[in-house]
C-alpha atoms as a PDB file:
ATOM      1  CA  MET A   1      25.817  26.553  63.877  1.00  0.00           C
ATOM      2  CA  ALA A   2      26.586  23.090  62.547  1.00  0.00           C
ATOM      3  CA  ARG A   3      22.971  22.507  62.161  1.00  0.00           C
ATOM      4  CA  LYS A   4      22.487  25.541  60.262  1.00  0.00           C
ATOM      5  CA  LYS A   5      25.206  24.969  57.857  1.00  0.00           C
ATOM      6  CA  ARG A   6      23.775  21.306  57.131  1.00  0.00           C
ATOM      7  CA  LYS A   7      20.397  22.692  56.316  1.00  0.00           C
ATOM      8  CA  GLU A   8      22.034  25.403  53.745  1.00  0.00           C
ATOM      9  CA  GLU A   9      24.120  22.408  52.189  1.00  0.00           C
ATOM     10  CA  GLU A  10      20.790  20.054  51.694  1.00  0.00           C
ATOM     11  CA  ALA A  11      19.087  23.702  50.252  1.00  0.00           C
ATOM     12  CA  GLY A  12      22.063  23.939  47.778  1.00  0.00           C
ATOM     13  CA  GLY A  13      21.908  20.222  46.879  1.00  0.00           C
ATOM     14  CA  GLU A  14      18.998  20.546  45.018  1.00  0.00           C
ATOM     15  CA  GLY A  15      20.018  22.753  42.535  1.00  0.00           C
ATOM     16  CA  TRP A  16      20.831  20.007  40.102  1.00  0.00           C
ATOM     17  CA  LEU A  17      16.915  19.506  39.379  1.00  0.00           C
ATOM     18  CA  ALA A  18      16.918  23.033  37.536  1.00  0.00           C
ATOM     19  CA  THR A  19      19.763  21.674  35.023  1.00  0.00           C
ATOM     20  CA  PHE A  20      18.155  18.265  34.948  1.00  0.00           C
ATOM     21  CA  SER A  21      14.493  19.683  34.226  1.00  0.00           C
ATOM     22  CA  ASP A  22      16.458  21.814  31.365  1.00  0.00           C
ATOM     23  CA  MET A  23      17.878  19.030  29.772  1.00  0.00           C
ATOM     24  CA  VAL A  24      14.807  16.983  29.868  1.00  0.00           C
ATOM     25  CA  SER A  25      13.100  19.624  28.148  1.00  0.00           C
ATOM     26  CA  LEU A  26      15.807  19.992  25.468  1.00  0.00           C
ATOM     27  CA  LEU A  27      15.541  16.038  24.940  1.00  0.00           C
ATOM     28  CA  LEU A  28      11.645  16.363  24.348  1.00  0.00           C
ATOM     29  CA  CYS A  29      12.202  19.090  22.116  1.00  0.00           C
ATOM     30  CA  PHE A  30      14.807  17.307  20.077  1.00  0.00           C
ATOM     31  CA  PHE A  31      12.477  14.098  19.707  1.00  0.00           C
ATOM     32  CA  VAL A  32       9.419  16.117  18.900  1.00  0.00           C
ATOM     33  CA  ILE A  33      11.496  17.790  15.931  1.00  0.00           C
ATOM     34  CA  LEU A  34      13.053  14.391  14.960  1.00  0.00           C
ATOM     35  CA  TYR A  35       9.751  12.808  14.534  1.00  0.00           C
ATOM     36  CA  ASN A  36       7.675  15.613  13.189  1.00  0.00           C
ATOM     37  CA  SER A  37       6.713  15.095   9.477  1.00  0.00           C
ATOM     38  CA  ASN A  38       5.670  18.529   8.797  1.00  0.00           C
ATOM     39  CA  PRO A  39       7.068  19.993   5.602  1.00  0.00           C
ATOM     40  CA  ASN A  40       7.844  23.121   7.365  1.00  0.00           C
ATOM     41  CA  GLN A  41      10.339  21.437   9.758  1.00  0.00           C
ATOM     42  CA  ASP A  42      12.746  24.037   9.025  1.00  0.00           C
ATOM     43  CA  THR A  43      10.706  26.779  10.410  1.00  0.00           C
ATOM     44  CA  VAL A  44       9.700  24.723  13.163  1.00  0.00           C
ATOM     45  CA  ILE A  45      13.422  24.046  14.264  1.00  0.00           C
ATOM     46  CA  ASN A  46      14.615  27.630  13.872  1.00  0.00           C
ATOM     47  CA  ALA A  47      11.905  28.915  16.150  1.00  0.00           C
ATOM     48  CA  VAL A  48      12.795  26.527  18.576  1.00  0.00           C
ATOM     49  CA  ALA A  49      16.679  27.594  18.050  1.00  0.00           C
ATOM     50  CA  ASP A  50      15.845  31.151  18.368  1.00  0.00           C
ATOM     51  CA  TYR A  51      14.062  30.352  21.912  1.00  0.00           C
ATOM     52  CA  PHE A  52      17.016  28.296  23.261  1.00  0.00           C
ATOM     53  CA  SER A  53      19.648  30.786  21.986  1.00  0.00           C
ATOM     54  CA  GLN A  54      18.365  33.149  24.928  1.00  0.00           C
ATOM     55  CA  LEU A  55      19.777  30.649  27.231  1.00  0.00           C
ATOM     56  CA  SER A  56      23.432  30.412  25.749  1.00  0.00           C
ATOM     57  CA  ASN A  57      24.871  32.043  28.763  1.00  0.00           C
ATOM     58  CA  TYR A  58      24.052  28.946  30.435  1.00  0.00           C
ATOM     59  CA  GLY A  59      25.509  26.493  27.712  1.00  0.00           C
ATOM     60  CA  TYR A  60      22.694  25.950  25.998  1.00  0.00           C
ATOM     61  CA  SER A  61      22.459  25.723  22.279  1.00  0.00           C
ATOM     62  CA  LEU A  62      20.323  24.423  19.642  1.00  0.00           C
ATOM     63  CA  SER A  63      20.734  24.270  15.702  1.00  0.00           C
ATOM     64  CA  ILE A  64      19.722  22.195  12.498  1.00  0.00           C
ATOM     65  CA  GLY A  65      22.054  19.644  12.054  1.00  0.00           C
ATOM     66  CA  ARG A  66      22.953  16.368  10.673  1.00  0.00           C
ATOM     67  CA  MET A  67      20.014  14.417  12.462  1.00  0.00           C
ATOM     68  CA  GLN A  68      17.587  16.205  10.656  1.00  0.00           C
ATOM     69  CA  SER A  69      17.922  14.119   7.669  1.00  0.00           C
ATOM     70  CA  THR A  70      17.668  11.182  10.004  1.00  0.00           C
ATOM     71  CA  GLY A  71      14.010  12.528  10.802  1.00  0.00           C
ATOM     72  CA  ASN A  72      12.864  13.369   7.538  1.00  0.00           C
ATOM     73  CA  ALA A  73      13.955   9.566   6.869  1.00  0.00           C
ATOM     74  CA  LEU A  74      12.058   8.282   9.808  1.00  0.00           C
ATOM     75  CA  ALA A  75       8.668  10.340   8.668  1.00  0.00           C
ATOM     76  CA  SER A  76       8.993   8.637   5.050  1.00  0.00           C
ATOM     77  CA  LEU A  77       8.952   5.169   6.205  1.00  0.00           C
ATOM     78  CA  PRO A  78       5.783   2.941   5.175  1.00  0.00           C
ATOM     79  CA  SER A  79       2.862   3.676   7.871  1.00  0.00           C
ATOM     80  CA  ALA A  80       1.679   0.682   9.821  1.00  0.00           C
ATOM     81  CA  THR A  81      -1.687   1.848   9.012  1.00  0.00           C
ATOM     82  CA  ARG A  82      -0.998   1.049   5.304  1.00  0.00           C
ATOM     83  CA  GLY A  83       0.302  -2.372   6.441  1.00  0.00           C
ATOM     84  CA  ARG A  84      -2.665  -2.878   8.385  1.00  0.00           C
ATOM     85  CA  ALA A  85      -5.196  -2.101   5.859  1.00  0.00           C
ATOM     86  CA  LEU A  86      -3.842  -4.016   2.987  1.00  0.00           C
ATOM     87  CA  ALA A  87      -3.604  -7.299   5.785  1.00  0.00           C
ATOM     88  CA  ASP A  88      -7.254  -6.627   6.173  1.00  0.00           C
ATOM     89  CA  ALA A  89      -7.847  -6.471   2.290  1.00  0.00           C
ATOM     90  CA  LEU A  90      -5.764  -9.660   1.690  1.00  0.00           C
ATOM     91  CA  ARG A  91      -8.190 -11.409   4.521  1.00  0.00           C
ATOM     92  CA  ARG A  92     -11.386 -10.157   3.497  1.00  0.00           C
ATOM     93  CA  ALA A  93     -10.577 -11.751   0.008  1.00  0.00           C
ATOM     94  CA  ILE A  94      -9.339 -14.959   0.932  1.00  0.00           C
ATOM     95  CA  SER A  95     -12.657 -15.355   3.129  1.00  0.00           C
ATOM     96  CA  LEU A  96     -14.790 -14.033   0.291  1.00  0.00           C
ATOM     97  CA  PHE A  97     -13.079 -16.429  -2.988  1.00  0.00           C
ATOM     98  CA  ASN A  98     -12.682 -19.461  -0.629  1.00  0.00           C
ATOM     99  CA  PRO A  99     -14.487 -22.047  -2.596  1.00  0.00           C
ATOM    100  CA  GLU A 100     -12.798 -20.783  -5.871  1.00  0.00           C
ATOM    101  CA  ILE A 101      -9.364 -20.892  -4.095  1.00  0.00           C
ATOM    102  CA  LYS A 102      -9.904 -24.802  -3.226  1.00  0.00           C
ATOM    103  CA  SER A 103     -10.843 -25.448  -6.668  1.00  0.00           C
ATOM    104  CA  SER A 104      -7.791 -23.397  -8.183  1.00  0.00           C
ATOM    105  CA  LYS A 105      -9.942 -21.136  -9.997  1.00  0.00           C
ATOM    106  CA  VAL A 106      -8.881 -17.898  -7.987  1.00  0.00           C
ATOM    107  CA  LYS A 107      -5.425 -17.222  -6.384  1.00  0.00           C
ATOM    108  CA  VAL A 108      -5.258 -14.390  -3.738  1.00  0.00           C
ATOM    109  CA  THR A 109      -1.831 -13.769  -3.006  1.00  0.00           C
ATOM    110  CA  GLN A 110       0.254 -10.343  -2.053  1.00  0.00           C
ATOM    111  CA  ASP A 111       3.419  -8.900  -3.996  1.00  0.00           C
ATOM    112  CA  GLU A 112       4.913  -5.486  -4.155  1.00  0.00           C
ATOM    113  CA  ARG A 113       2.129  -4.289  -6.069  1.00  0.00           C
ATOM    114  CA  GLY A 114      -0.224  -5.013  -3.279  1.00  0.00           C
ATOM    115  CA  VAL A 115      -2.780  -7.654  -3.096  1.00  0.00           C
ATOM    116  CA  VAL A 116      -3.509  -9.739  -6.319  1.00  0.00           C
ATOM    117  CA  ILE A 117      -6.612 -11.650  -7.030  1.00  0.00           C
ATOM    118  CA  SER A 118      -5.848 -13.981  -9.968  1.00  0.00           C
ATOM    119  CA  PHE A 119      -9.253 -15.051 -11.820  1.00  0.00           C
ATOM    120  CA  ALA A 120      -8.993 -18.000 -14.344  1.00  0.00           C
ATOM    121  CA  SER A 121      -9.816 -16.714 -17.650  1.00  0.00           C
ATOM    122  CA  ASP A 122     -11.313 -19.775 -18.728  1.00  0.00           C
ATOM    123  CA  MET A 123     -13.992 -19.287 -16.080  1.00  0.00           C
ATOM    124  CA  PHE A 124     -14.819 -16.023 -17.436  1.00  0.00           C
ATOM    125  CA  PHE A 125     -14.415 -15.928 -21.274  1.00  0.00           C
ATOM    126  CA  ALA A 126     -14.698 -18.662 -24.057  1.00  0.00           C
ATOM    127  CA  PRO A 127     -11.918 -19.479 -26.022  1.00  0.00           C
ATOM    128  CA  ALA A 128     -10.838 -16.435 -28.118  1.00  0.00           C
ATOM    129  CA  SER A 129     -13.310 -14.192 -26.643  1.00  0.00           C
ATOM    130  CA  ALA A 130     -13.719 -11.298 -24.617  1.00  0.00           C
ATOM    131  CA  THR A 131     -17.331 -11.387 -23.652  1.00  0.00           C
ATOM    132  CA  LEU A 132     -17.716 -11.977 -19.967  1.00  0.00           C
ATOM    133  CA  ASN A 133     -19.769 -15.709 -19.403  1.00  0.00           C
ATOM    134  CA  LEU A 134     -22.120 -14.152 -16.582  1.00  0.00           C
ATOM    135  CA  GLU A 135     -23.636 -17.562 -16.140  1.00  0.00           C
ATOM    136  CA  ALA A 136     -20.528 -19.330 -15.054  1.00  0.00           C
ATOM    137  CA  ALA A 137     -19.088 -16.233 -13.320  1.00  0.00           C
ATOM    138  CA  ARG A 138     -21.631 -14.307 -11.809  1.00  0.00           C
ATOM    139  CA  SER A 139     -21.333 -15.286  -8.216  1.00  0.00           C
ATOM    140  CA  THR A 140     -17.714 -14.811  -8.401  1.00  0.00           C
ATOM    141  CA  LEU A 141     -17.851 -11.482  -9.737  1.00  0.00           C
ATOM    142  CA  LEU A 142     -20.601 -10.192  -7.089  1.00  0.00           C
ATOM    143  CA  ASN A 143     -17.948 -11.292  -4.375  1.00  0.00           C
ATOM    144  CA  LEU A 144     -15.405  -9.393  -6.498  1.00  0.00           C
ATOM    145  CA  VAL A 145     -17.941  -6.345  -6.169  1.00  0.00           C
ATOM    146  CA  VAL A 146     -18.299  -6.613  -2.579  1.00  0.00           C
ATOM    147  CA  LEU A 147     -14.512  -6.915  -2.061  1.00  0.00           C
ATOM    148  CA  LEU A 148     -13.867  -3.692  -4.128  1.00  0.00           C
ATOM    149  CA  THR A 149     -16.931  -1.718  -2.147  1.00  0.00           C
ATOM    150  CA  SER A 150     -15.947  -2.992   1.132  1.00  0.00           C
ATOM    151  CA  SER A 151     -14.267  -0.869   3.929  1.00  0.00           C
ATOM    152  CA  GLU A 152     -11.217  -2.925   3.983  1.00  0.00           C
ATOM    153  CA  VAL A 153     -10.334  -1.075   0.614  1.00  0.00           C
ATOM    154  CA  THR A 154     -11.668   2.453   0.962  1.00  0.00           C
ATOM    155  CA  GLY A 155      -9.727   4.984  -0.970  1.00  0.00           C
ATOM    156  CA  LYS A 156      -7.509   2.250  -2.489  1.00  0.00           C
ATOM    157  CA  LYS A 157      -6.634   2.116  -6.296  1.00  0.00           C
ATOM    158  CA  PHE A 158      -7.367  -1.251  -8.356  1.00  0.00           C
ATOM    159  CA  ARG A 159      -5.983  -2.358 -11.459  1.00  0.00           C
ATOM    160  CA  ILE A 160      -7.631  -4.720 -13.665  1.00  0.00           C
ATOM    161  CA  GLU A 161      -4.872  -6.746 -15.669  1.00  0.00           C
ATOM    162  CA  GLY A 162      -5.314  -9.096 -18.473  1.00  0.00           C
ATOM    163  CA  HIS A 163      -3.320 -11.983 -19.378  1.00  0.00           C
ATOM    164  CA  THR A 164      -3.017 -14.526 -22.022  1.00  0.00           C
ATOM    165  CA  ASP A 165      -0.929 -17.629 -23.034  1.00  0.00           C
ATOM    166  CA  SER A 166       1.593 -17.491 -25.582  1.00  0.00           C
ATOM    167  CA  THR A 167      -0.782 -19.266 -28.261  1.00  0.00           C
ATOM    168  CA  PRO A 168      -1.032 -16.993 -31.202  1.00  0.00           C
ATOM    169  CA  VAL A 169      -4.522 -15.406 -32.005  1.00  0.00           C
ATOM    170  CA  ASP A 170      -6.341 -16.873 -35.003  1.00  0.00           C
ATOM    171  CA  ALA A 171      -5.502 -14.626 -38.056  1.00  0.00           C
ATOM    172  CA  LYS A 172      -9.006 -14.719 -39.382  1.00  0.00           C
ATOM    173  CA  GLY A 173     -10.651 -13.848 -35.736  1.00  0.00           C
ATOM    174  CA  PRO A 174     -11.202 -10.632 -34.494  1.00  0.00           C
ATOM    175  CA  TRP A 175      -8.160  -9.845 -32.653  1.00  0.00           C
ATOM    176  CA  VAL A 176      -4.938  -8.285 -34.243  1.00  0.00           C
ATOM    177  CA  SER A 177      -2.909  -9.890 -31.391  1.00  0.00           C
ATOM    178  CA  ASN A 178      -2.684 -11.173 -27.432  1.00  0.00           C
ATOM    179  CA  TRP A 179      -2.316  -7.578 -26.577  1.00  0.00           C
ATOM    180  CA  GLN A 180      -5.649  -6.681 -27.654  1.00  0.00           C
ATOM    181  CA  LEU A 181      -7.169  -9.835 -26.529  1.00  0.00           C
ATOM    182  CA  SER A 182      -5.501  -9.289 -22.887  1.00  0.00           C
ATOM    183  CA  THR A 183      -6.677  -5.519 -22.778  1.00  0.00           C
ATOM    184  CA  GLU A 184     -10.580  -6.461 -24.250  1.00  0.00           C
ATOM    185  CA  ARG A 185     -10.754  -8.822 -21.733  1.00  0.00           C
ATOM    186  CA  ALA A 186      -9.566  -6.543 -18.746  1.00  0.00           C
ATOM    187  CA  LEU A 187     -11.954  -3.982 -20.264  1.00  0.00           C
ATOM    188  CA  SER A 188     -15.029  -6.029 -20.127  1.00  0.00           C
ATOM    189  CA  VAL A 189     -14.444  -6.896 -16.222  1.00  0.00           C
ATOM    190  CA  LEU A 190     -13.970  -3.109 -16.133  1.00  0.00           C
ATOM    191  CA  TYR A 191     -17.337  -2.097 -17.475  1.00  0.00           C
ATOM    192  CA  TYR A 192     -19.129  -4.764 -15.490  1.00  0.00           C
ATOM    193  CA  LEU A 193     -17.861  -3.674 -12.262  1.00  0.00           C
ATOM    194  CA  ILE A 194     -18.695  -0.202 -13.099  1.00  0.00           C
ATOM    195  CA  GLU A 195     -22.208  -1.265 -13.987  1.00  0.00           C
ATOM    196  CA  MET A 196     -22.214  -3.009 -10.354  1.00  0.00           C
ATOM    197  CA  GLY A 197     -21.030   0.300  -8.808  1.00  0.00           C
ATOM    198  CA  VAL A 198     -17.528   0.217  -8.164  1.00  0.00           C
ATOM    199  CA  PRO A 199     -16.255   3.915  -8.482  1.00  0.00           C
ATOM    200  CA  GLU A 200     -14.642   4.271 -12.107  1.00  0.00           C
ATOM    201  CA  LYS A 201     -12.222   6.606 -10.756  1.00  0.00           C
ATOM    202  CA  GLN A 202     -10.483   4.083  -8.540  1.00  0.00           C
ATOM    203  CA  MET A 203      -9.714   1.715 -11.351  1.00  0.00           C
ATOM    204  CA  GLN A 204      -7.225   1.236 -14.047  1.00  0.00           C
ATOM    205  CA  VAL A 205      -6.764  -1.164 -16.802  1.00  0.00           C
ATOM    206  CA  ALA A 206      -3.836  -3.070 -18.365  1.00  0.00           C
ATOM    207  CA  GLY A 207      -3.358  -5.625 -21.207  1.00  0.00           C
ATOM    208  CA  PHE A 208      -0.022  -7.281 -20.787  1.00  0.00           C
ATOM    209  CA  GLY A 209      -0.750 -10.348 -23.507  1.00  0.00           C
ATOM    210  CA  ASP A 210       1.569 -13.171 -23.030  1.00  0.00           C
ATOM    211  CA  THR A 211       4.469 -11.120 -21.378  1.00  0.00           C
ATOM    212  CA  VAL A 212       3.926 -11.790 -17.656  1.00  0.00           C
ATOM    213  CA  PRO A 213       3.905 -15.732 -17.412  1.00  0.00           C
ATOM    214  CA  VAL A 214       3.322 -17.402 -14.171  1.00  0.00           C
ATOM    215  CA  SER A 215       3.554 -20.942 -15.377  1.00  0.00           C
ATOM    216  CA  SER A 216       5.510 -22.905 -18.355  1.00  0.00           C
ATOM    217  CA  ASP A 217       3.465 -22.511 -21.375  1.00  0.00           C
ATOM    218  CA  ASN A 218       4.803 -25.964 -22.719  1.00  0.00           C
ATOM    219  CA  THR A 219       1.651 -27.842 -21.220  1.00  0.00           C
ATOM    220  CA  PRO A 220      -1.916 -27.223 -21.164  1.00  0.00           C
ATOM    221  CA  GLU A 221      -1.844 -26.651 -17.555  1.00  0.00           C
ATOM    222  CA  GLY A 222       0.709 -24.049 -17.609  1.00  0.00           C
ATOM    223  CA  ARG A 223      -1.147 -22.249 -20.279  1.00  0.00           C
ATOM    224  CA  ALA A 224      -4.490 -22.271 -18.337  1.00  0.00           C
ATOM    225  CA  TYR A 225      -2.737 -20.776 -15.200  1.00  0.00           C
ATOM    226  CA  ASN A 226      -1.014 -17.895 -17.521  1.00  0.00           C
ATOM    227  CA  ARG A 227      -4.597 -17.075 -19.124  1.00  0.00           C
ATOM    228  CA  ARG A 228      -6.031 -14.927 -16.218  1.00  0.00           C
ATOM    229  CA  VAL A 229      -7.190 -11.816 -15.121  1.00  0.00           C
ATOM    230  CA  ASP A 230      -5.727  -9.927 -11.966  1.00  0.00           C
ATOM    231  CA  ILE A 231      -7.353  -7.392  -9.723  1.00  0.00           C
ATOM    232  CA  VAL A 232      -4.600  -5.576  -8.180  1.00  0.00           C
ATOM    233  CA  ILE A 233      -5.581  -3.595  -5.006  1.00  0.00           C
ATOM    234  CA  ILE A 234      -2.624  -1.263  -5.355  1.00  0.00           C
ATOM    235  CA  ASP A 235      -0.280  -0.530  -2.519  1.00  0.00           C
ATOM    236  CA  SER A 236       0.054   3.154  -2.427  1.00  0.00           C
ATOM    237  CA  ALA A 237       3.715   3.001  -2.534  1.00  0.00           C
ATOM    238  CA  HIS A 238       3.359   1.312  -5.730  1.00  0.00           C
ATOM    239  CA  LEU A 239       1.047   4.309  -7.549  1.00  0.00           C
END
Protein backbone atom coordinates (compact mmCIF):
# COMPACT_ATOMS: atom_id res chain seq x y z
CA MET A 1 0.00 0.00 0.00
CA ALA A 2 2.86 2.35 0.87
CA ARG A 3 4.58 1.51 -2.43
CA LYS A 4 1.44 2.37 -4.40
CA LYS A 5 1.10 5.71 -2.60
CA ARG A 6 4.77 6.56 -3.32
CA LYS A 7 4.25 5.87 -7.05
CA GLU A 8 1.22 8.17 -7.12
CA GLU A 9 3.23 10.95 -5.46
CA GLU A 10 6.08 10.53 -7.93
CA ALA A 11 3.66 10.66 -10.87
CA GLY A 12 1.95 13.75 -9.49
CA GLY A 13 5.30 15.49 -8.94
CA GLU A 14 5.87 15.77 -12.69
CA GLY A 15 2.91 18.12 -13.11
CA TRP A 16 5.18 21.15 -12.73
CA LEU A 17 6.70 20.36 -16.13
CA ALA A 18 3.52 21.45 -17.92
CA THR A 19 3.52 24.79 -16.12
CA PHE A 20 7.24 25.29 -16.78
CA SER A 21 6.77 24.45 -20.46
CA ASP A 22 3.97 27.02 -20.77
CA MET A 23 6.15 29.65 -19.11
CA VAL A 24 9.03 28.99 -21.53
CA SER A 25 6.63 29.27 -24.46
CA LEU A 26 5.39 32.61 -23.17
CA LEU A 27 8.95 33.90 -22.76
CA LEU A 28 9.86 32.76 -26.27
CA CYS A 29 6.85 34.59 -27.74
CA PHE A 30 7.74 37.68 -25.72
CA PHE A 31 11.29 37.89 -27.05
CA VAL A 32 10.26 37.13 -30.63
CA ILE A 33 7.82 40.05 -30.48
CA LEU A 34 10.35 42.28 -28.71
CA TYR A 35 12.93 41.93 -31.47
CA ASN A 36 10.51 41.91 -34.38
CA SER A 37 11.04 44.95 -36.69
CA ASN A 38 7.92 44.21 -38.74
CA PRO A 39 5.86 47.41 -39.21
CA ASN A 40 2.72 45.31 -38.53
CA GLN A 41 3.97 44.43 -35.07
CA ASP A 42 0.71 45.46 -33.36
CA THR A 43 -1.21 42.95 -35.48
CA VAL A 44 1.18 40.16 -34.50
CA ILE A 45 0.96 41.03 -30.82
CA ASN A 46 -2.84 41.15 -30.91
CA ALA A 47 -3.01 37.77 -32.61
CA VAL A 48 -0.76 36.19 -30.00
CA ALA A 49 -2.72 37.92 -27.22
CA ASP A 50 -5.99 36.50 -28.56
CA TYR A 51 -4.52 33.01 -28.54
CA PHE A 52 -3.23 33.20 -24.99
CA SER A 53 -6.42 34.81 -23.74
CA GLN A 54 -7.99 31.38 -24.19
CA LEU A 55 -5.71 30.20 -21.39
CA SER A 56 -6.85 32.90 -18.98
CA ASN A 57 -8.60 30.33 -16.83
CA TYR A 58 -5.13 29.03 -15.96
CA GLY A 59 -3.83 32.46 -15.04
CA TYR A 60 -2.10 33.38 -18.33
CA SER A 61 -2.54 36.75 -20.02
CA LEU A 62 -0.78 38.78 -22.73
CA SER A 63 -1.32 42.34 -23.90
CA ILE A 64 0.55 45.23 -25.55
CA GLY A 65 2.48 47.03 -22.85
CA ARG A 66 5.29 49.47 -22.21
CA MET A 67 8.00 47.07 -23.38
CA GLN A 68 6.72 47.33 -26.97
CA SER A 69 8.50 50.68 -27.35
CA THR A 70 11.71 49.04 -26.15
CA GLY A 71 11.44 46.49 -28.94
CA ASN A 72 10.93 49.22 -31.53
CA ALA A 73 13.95 51.10 -30.21
CA LEU A 74 16.14 48.02 -30.43
CA ALA A 75 14.98 47.36 -33.99
CA SER A 76 15.93 50.90 -35.01
CA LEU A 77 19.54 50.67 -33.77
CA PRO A 78 22.28 50.80 -36.48
CA SER A 79 22.90 47.33 -37.83
CA ALA A 80 26.22 45.55 -37.44
CA THR A 81 26.11 44.80 -41.17
CA ARG A 82 26.18 48.50 -42.03
CA GLY A 83 29.12 49.04 -39.69
CA ARG A 84 31.05 46.19 -41.28
CA ALA A 85 30.36 47.54 -44.78
CA LEU A 86 31.85 50.94 -43.93
CA ALA A 87 34.83 49.29 -42.25
CA ASP A 88 35.46 47.24 -45.41
CA ALA A 89 35.24 50.40 -47.54
CA LEU A 90 37.68 52.19 -45.23
CA ARG A 91 40.22 49.37 -45.43
CA ARG A 92 39.92 49.19 -49.22
CA ALA A 93 40.41 52.94 -49.57
CA ILE A 94 43.52 52.91 -47.36
CA SER A 95 44.94 50.04 -49.39
CA LEU A 96 44.27 51.68 -52.78
CA PHE A 97 45.62 55.11 -51.84
CA ASN A 98 48.50 54.02 -49.62
CA PRO A 99 51.25 55.73 -51.71
CA GLU A 100 49.30 59.01 -51.88
CA ILE A 101 48.54 58.82 -48.15
CA LYS A 102 52.25 58.52 -47.40
CA SER A 103 52.99 61.59 -49.54
CA SER A 104 50.12 63.58 -47.92
CA LYS A 105 48.31 63.96 -51.26
CA VAL A 106 45.37 61.89 -50.02
CA LYS A 107 43.83 61.54 -46.57
CA VAL A 108 41.39 58.76 -45.67
CA THR A 109 39.24 59.18 -42.56
CA GLN A 110 35.84 58.25 -41.17
CA ASP A 111 33.38 60.62 -39.49
CA GLU A 112 29.63 60.98 -38.95
CA ARG A 113 29.12 61.33 -42.72
CA GLY A 114 30.82 58.04 -43.55
CA VAL A 115 34.19 57.24 -45.13
CA VAL A 116 35.93 60.39 -46.43
CA ILE A 117 38.71 60.38 -49.05
CA SER A 118 40.27 63.86 -49.24
CA PHE A 119 42.30 64.73 -52.34
CA ALA A 120 44.59 67.75 -52.43
CA SER A 121 43.13 70.04 -55.09
CA ASP A 122 46.64 71.08 -56.16
CA MET A 123 47.13 67.52 -57.44
CA PHE A 124 43.97 67.70 -59.56
CA PHE A 125 43.77 71.34 -60.61
CA ALA A 126 45.99 74.26 -61.56
CA PRO A 127 45.47 77.43 -59.49
CA ALA A 128 42.08 79.07 -60.18
CA SER A 129 41.22 76.25 -62.60
CA ALA A 130 38.44 73.66 -62.56
CA THR A 131 39.92 71.55 -65.37
CA LEU A 132 41.24 68.18 -64.19
CA ASN A 133 44.98 67.67 -64.61
CA LEU A 134 44.68 64.13 -65.90
CA GLU A 135 48.39 63.79 -66.56
CA ALA A 136 49.18 64.29 -62.87
CA ALA A 137 46.11 62.64 -61.35
CA ARG A 138 45.15 59.82 -63.72
CA SER A 139 46.39 56.91 -61.56
CA THR A 140 44.75 58.37 -58.44
CA LEU A 141 41.47 58.92 -60.26
CA LEU A 142 41.55 55.38 -61.66
CA ASN A 143 41.99 54.01 -58.13
CA LEU A 144 39.00 56.13 -57.10
CA VAL A 145 36.96 54.50 -59.87
CA VAL A 146 38.07 51.07 -58.65
CA LEU A 147 36.92 51.94 -55.11
CA LEU A 148 33.55 53.37 -56.12
CA THR A 149 32.72 50.36 -58.30
CA SER A 150 33.92 47.75 -55.81
CA SER A 151 31.77 45.26 -53.92
CA GLU A 152 32.63 47.03 -50.65
CA VAL A 153 30.46 50.01 -51.60
CA THR A 154 27.64 48.29 -53.48
CA GLY A 155 24.42 50.29 -53.07
CA LYS A 156 26.16 53.19 -51.31
CA LYS A 157 25.75 56.88 -52.16
CA PHE A 158 28.79 59.05 -52.87
CA ARG A 159 29.06 62.81 -52.39
CA ILE A 160 31.75 64.84 -54.15
CA GLU A 161 32.52 67.94 -52.07
CA GLY A 162 34.63 70.82 -53.42
CA HIS A 163 36.54 73.09 -51.03
CA THR A 164 38.79 76.14 -51.49
CA ASP A 165 40.94 78.27 -49.21
CA SER A 166 39.87 81.77 -48.20
CA THR A 167 41.90 83.58 -50.86
CA PRO A 168 39.41 85.65 -52.91
CA VAL A 169 39.04 84.76 -56.57
CA ASP A 170 40.48 87.07 -59.21
CA ALA A 171 37.85 89.64 -60.10
CA LYS A 172 39.02 89.39 -63.72
CA GLY A 173 38.96 85.61 -63.72
CA PRO A 174 36.21 83.20 -64.76
CA TRP A 175 34.77 82.66 -61.27
CA VAL A 176 32.31 84.83 -59.43
CA SER A 177 33.33 83.42 -56.04
CA ASN A 178 35.00 80.52 -54.27
CA TRP A 179 31.54 78.96 -54.08
CA GLN A 180 31.45 78.65 -57.84
CA LEU A 181 35.05 77.46 -58.10
CA SER A 182 34.56 74.72 -55.49
CA THR A 183 31.35 73.54 -57.15
CA GLU A 184 32.90 73.48 -60.63
CA ARG A 185 35.81 71.43 -59.37
CA ALA A 186 33.44 68.93 -57.79
CA LEU A 187 31.50 68.75 -61.05
CA SER A 188 34.70 68.08 -63.02
CA VAL A 189 35.40 65.06 -60.82
CA LEU A 190 31.77 63.95 -61.16
CA TYR A 191 31.88 64.05 -64.97
CA TYR A 192 35.12 62.07 -65.02
CA LEU A 193 33.70 59.37 -62.73
CA ILE A 194 30.53 59.08 -64.82
CA GLU A 195 32.63 58.74 -67.97
CA MET A 196 34.62 55.97 -66.29
CA GLY A 197 31.50 54.00 -65.37
CA VAL A 198 30.57 55.02 -61.82
CA PRO A 199 26.74 55.03 -61.68
CA GLU A 200 25.47 58.60 -61.90
CA LYS A 201 22.47 57.94 -59.66
CA GLN A 202 24.75 57.02 -56.77
CA MET A 203 26.49 60.40 -56.73
CA GLN A 204 25.84 63.84 -55.29
CA VAL A 205 27.77 67.11 -55.67
CA ALA A 206 28.33 69.99 -53.25
CA GLY A 207 30.52 73.10 -53.26
CA PHE A 208 31.48 74.62 -49.89
CA GLY A 209 33.89 77.37 -50.90
CA ASP A 210 36.10 78.19 -47.91
CA THR A 211 33.42 77.54 -45.26
CA VAL A 212 34.68 74.12 -44.06
CA PRO A 213 38.43 74.51 -43.47
CA VAL A 214 40.47 71.66 -42.01
CA SER A 215 43.49 73.83 -41.22
CA SER A 216 44.43 77.43 -40.56
CA ASP A 217 44.36 79.72 -43.60
CA ASN A 218 47.17 81.82 -42.13
CA THR A 219 49.95 79.76 -43.71
CA PRO A 220 50.58 78.44 -47.24
CA GLU A 221 50.60 74.88 -45.89
CA GLY A 222 47.25 75.39 -44.17
CA ARG A 223 45.69 76.86 -47.28
CA ALA A 224 46.97 73.91 -49.30
CA TYR A 225 45.22 71.49 -46.94
CA ASN A 226 41.98 73.45 -47.24
CA ARG A 227 42.04 73.31 -51.05
CA ARG A 228 40.67 69.83 -51.51
CA VAL A 229 38.03 67.58 -53.02
CA ASP A 230 36.38 65.17 -50.60
CA ILE A 231 34.73 61.97 -51.79
CA VAL A 232 32.31 60.82 -49.10
CA ILE A 233 31.02 57.25 -49.05
CA ILE A 234 27.86 58.17 -47.20
CA ASP A 235 26.69 56.30 -44.13
CA SER A 236 23.03 55.45 -44.75
CA ALA A 237 22.14 57.07 -41.42
CA HIS A 238 23.43 60.38 -42.78
CA LEU A 239 21.33 60.42 -45.97
